[in-house]
C-alpha atoms as a PDB file:
ATOM      1  CA  UNK A   1      17.782  17.550  33.162  1.00  0.00           C
ATOM      2  CA  UNK A   2      18.813  19.787  30.458  1.00  0.00           C
ATOM      3  CA  UNK A   3      20.346  17.178  28.354  1.00  0.00           C
ATOM      4  CA  UNK A   4      16.934  15.260  27.984  1.00  0.00           C
ATOM      5  CA  UNK A   5      15.349  18.410  26.904  1.00  0.00           C
ATOM      6  CA  UNK A   6      18.010  19.191  24.545  1.00  0.00           C
ATOM      7  CA  UNK A   7      17.888  15.649  22.924  1.00  0.00           C
ATOM      8  CA  UNK A   8      13.867  16.002  23.001  1.00  0.00           C
ATOM      9  CA  UNK A   9      14.042  19.425  21.202  1.00  0.00           C
ATOM     10  CA  UNK A  10      16.624  18.132  18.599  1.00  0.00           C
ATOM     11  CA  UNK A  11      14.429  15.119  17.968  1.00  0.00           C
ATOM     12  CA  UNK A  12      11.176  17.100  17.320  1.00  0.00           C
ATOM     13  CA  UNK A  13      13.276  19.277  14.854  1.00  0.00           C
ATOM     14  CA  UNK A  14      14.748  16.510  13.195  1.00  0.00           C
ATOM     15  CA  UNK A  15      11.149  14.888  12.576  1.00  0.00           C
ATOM     16  CA  UNK A  16      10.034  18.262  10.806  1.00  0.00           C
ATOM     17  CA  UNK A  17      12.832  18.463   8.444  1.00  0.00           C
ATOM     18  CA  UNK A  18      10.609  17.851   5.071  1.00  0.00           C
ATOM     19  CA  UNK A  19      11.240  14.967   2.553  1.00  0.00           C
ATOM     20  CA  UNK A  20      13.830  16.371  -0.203  1.00  0.00           C
ATOM     21  CA  UNK A  21      15.350  18.827   2.167  1.00  0.00           C
ATOM     22  CA  UNK A  22      18.664  18.776   4.622  1.00  0.00           C
ATOM     23  CA  UNK A  23      19.552  20.849   7.652  1.00  0.00           C
ATOM     24  CA  UNK A  24      22.862  20.972   9.362  1.00  0.00           C
ATOM     25  CA  UNK A  25      23.891  20.037  12.813  1.00  0.00           C
ATOM     26  CA  UNK A  26      24.675  23.788  13.709  1.00  0.00           C
ATOM     27  CA  UNK A  27      21.276  25.051  12.037  1.00  0.00           C
ATOM     28  CA  UNK A  28      19.284  22.503  14.629  1.00  0.00           C
ATOM     29  CA  UNK A  29      21.772  23.688  17.359  1.00  0.00           C
ATOM     30  CA  UNK A  30      21.073  27.241  16.468  1.00  0.00           C
ATOM     31  CA  UNK A  31      17.255  26.756  16.178  1.00  0.00           C
ATOM     32  CA  UNK A  32      17.246  25.555  19.912  1.00  0.00           C
ATOM     33  CA  UNK A  33      19.288  28.876  20.915  1.00  0.00           C
ATOM     34  CA  UNK A  34      22.451  26.812  21.408  1.00  0.00           C
ATOM     35  CA  UNK A  35      24.498  27.974  18.333  1.00  0.00           C
ATOM     36  CA  UNK A  36      27.626  26.251  19.608  1.00  0.00           C
ATOM     37  CA  UNK A  37      26.230  22.971  20.513  1.00  0.00           C
ATOM     38  CA  UNK A  38      26.596  21.321  16.700  1.00  0.00           C
ATOM     39  CA  UNK A  39      28.790  18.478  18.204  1.00  0.00           C
ATOM     40  CA  UNK A  40      26.010  17.626  20.842  1.00  0.00           C
ATOM     41  CA  UNK A  41      23.618  17.529  18.145  1.00  0.00           C
ATOM     42  CA  UNK A  42      25.878  15.247  16.218  1.00  0.00           C
ATOM     43  CA  UNK A  43      25.984  12.891  19.447  1.00  0.00           C
ATOM     44  CA  UNK A  44      22.020  12.955  19.724  1.00  0.00           C
ATOM     45  CA  UNK A  45      21.891  11.865  15.888  1.00  0.00           C
ATOM     46  CA  UNK A  46      24.321   9.181  16.537  1.00  0.00           C
ATOM     47  CA  UNK A  47      22.254   7.798  19.553  1.00  0.00           C
ATOM     48  CA  UNK A  48      18.722   9.308  19.030  1.00  0.00           C
ATOM     49  CA  UNK A  49      15.434   7.414  17.817  1.00  0.00           C
ATOM     50  CA  UNK A  50      16.309   5.386  14.836  1.00  0.00           C
ATOM     51  CA  UNK A  51      12.752   5.959  13.455  1.00  0.00           C
ATOM     52  CA  UNK A  52      13.847   9.715  12.735  1.00  0.00           C
ATOM     53  CA  UNK A  53      14.970  10.994   9.542  1.00  0.00           C
ATOM     54  CA  UNK A  54      18.693  11.444  10.729  1.00  0.00           C
ATOM     55  CA  UNK A  55      19.977  10.872   6.869  1.00  0.00           C
ATOM     56  CA  UNK A  56      18.602  14.667   6.354  1.00  0.00           C
ATOM     57  CA  UNK A  57      21.451  15.961   8.760  1.00  0.00           C
ATOM     58  CA  UNK A  58      24.337  17.121   7.173  1.00  0.00           C
ATOM     59  CA  UNK A  59      27.354  19.123   7.909  1.00  0.00           C
ATOM     60  CA  UNK A  60      27.895  23.022   7.160  1.00  0.00           C
ATOM     61  CA  UNK A  61      29.056  22.330   3.937  1.00  0.00           C
ATOM     62  CA  UNK A  62      26.564  19.785   2.714  1.00  0.00           C
ATOM     63  CA  UNK A  63      28.770  16.825   3.405  1.00  0.00           C
ATOM     64  CA  UNK A  64      27.490  13.573   4.453  1.00  0.00           C
ATOM     65  CA  UNK A  65      28.023  12.188   7.976  1.00  0.00           C
ATOM     66  CA  UNK A  66      30.883   9.499   8.207  1.00  0.00           C
ATOM     67  CA  UNK A  67      29.441   8.064  11.338  1.00  0.00           C
ATOM     68  CA  UNK A  68      26.190   7.538   9.958  1.00  0.00           C
ATOM     69  CA  UNK A  69      24.599   4.113  10.617  1.00  0.00           C
ATOM     70  CA  UNK A  70      25.597   2.051   7.479  1.00  0.00           C
ATOM     71  CA  UNK A  71      27.749   4.708   6.351  1.00  0.00           C
ATOM     72  CA  UNK A  72      27.885   7.736   3.860  1.00  0.00           C
ATOM     73  CA  UNK A  73      26.645   5.353   0.794  1.00  0.00           C
ATOM     74  CA  UNK A  74      23.581   4.276   2.884  1.00  0.00           C
ATOM     75  CA  UNK A  75      22.940   8.046   3.865  1.00  0.00           C
ATOM     76  CA  UNK A  76      23.386   8.967   0.179  1.00  0.00           C
ATOM     77  CA  UNK A  77      20.809   6.491  -0.987  1.00  0.00           C
ATOM     78  CA  UNK A  78      18.440   7.351   1.492  1.00  0.00           C
ATOM     79  CA  UNK A  79      18.670  11.257   0.188  1.00  0.00           C
ATOM     80  CA  UNK A  80      18.498   9.978  -3.301  1.00  0.00           C
ATOM     81  CA  UNK A  81      15.210   8.306  -2.807  1.00  0.00           C
ATOM     82  CA  UNK A  82      14.087  11.691  -1.729  1.00  0.00           C
ATOM     83  CA  UNK A  83      15.325  13.461  -4.747  1.00  0.00           C
ATOM     84  CA  UNK A  84      18.610  15.007  -3.175  1.00  0.00           C
ATOM     85  CA  UNK A  85      21.630  14.104  -5.368  1.00  0.00           C
ATOM     86  CA  UNK A  86      24.956  14.110  -3.952  1.00  0.00           C
ATOM     87  CA  UNK A  87      28.467  14.378  -5.560  1.00  0.00           C
ATOM     88  CA  UNK A  88      31.698  12.724  -3.556  1.00  0.00           C
ATOM     89  CA  UNK A  89      29.208  12.473  -0.648  1.00  0.00           C
ATOM     90  CA  UNK A  90      28.169  15.870  -0.739  1.00  0.00           C
ATOM     91  CA  UNK A  91      24.721  17.371  -1.454  1.00  0.00           C
ATOM     92  CA  UNK A  92      24.325  19.059  -4.666  1.00  0.00           C
ATOM     93  CA  UNK A  93      22.612  22.157  -4.481  1.00  0.00           C
ATOM     94  CA  UNK A  94      23.178  22.280  -0.877  1.00  0.00           C
ATOM     95  CA  UNK A  95      21.886  25.791  -0.456  1.00  0.00           C
ATOM     96  CA  UNK A  96      18.481  25.273  -2.495  1.00  0.00           C
ATOM     97  CA  UNK A  97      17.783  22.165  -0.517  1.00  0.00           C
ATOM     98  CA  UNK A  98      18.734  23.456   2.816  1.00  0.00           C
ATOM     99  CA  UNK A  99      15.796  23.683   5.342  1.00  0.00           C
ATOM    100  CA  UNK A 100      16.238  26.770   7.668  1.00  0.00           C
ATOM    101  CA  UNK A 101      12.626  27.739   8.850  1.00  0.00           C
ATOM    102  CA  UNK A 102      13.469  30.101  11.603  1.00  0.00           C
ATOM    103  CA  UNK A 103      16.877  31.173  10.952  1.00  0.00           C
END
């Protein structure tokens, strides 16, 4: 069941993203050796365990997710609560707060 393993790997990684940091769909895909699977990461995020910090997941430009549960405003507020500021739904200082542990 490769899809179950994929989901588990993504959920394990998103749980490790520290407070005050963000990562991208593509970053997570690359971390598990599937660099072209960013859309699949999005599917896992949308239907994944709601207890995980999915608000720390952004697009490759630092943009917030239009499909985030509650919308981008909720995602922005959750990030703001962790000290991450956004302008027009894009993370400010994206490269500085981007979490890339193994890339």
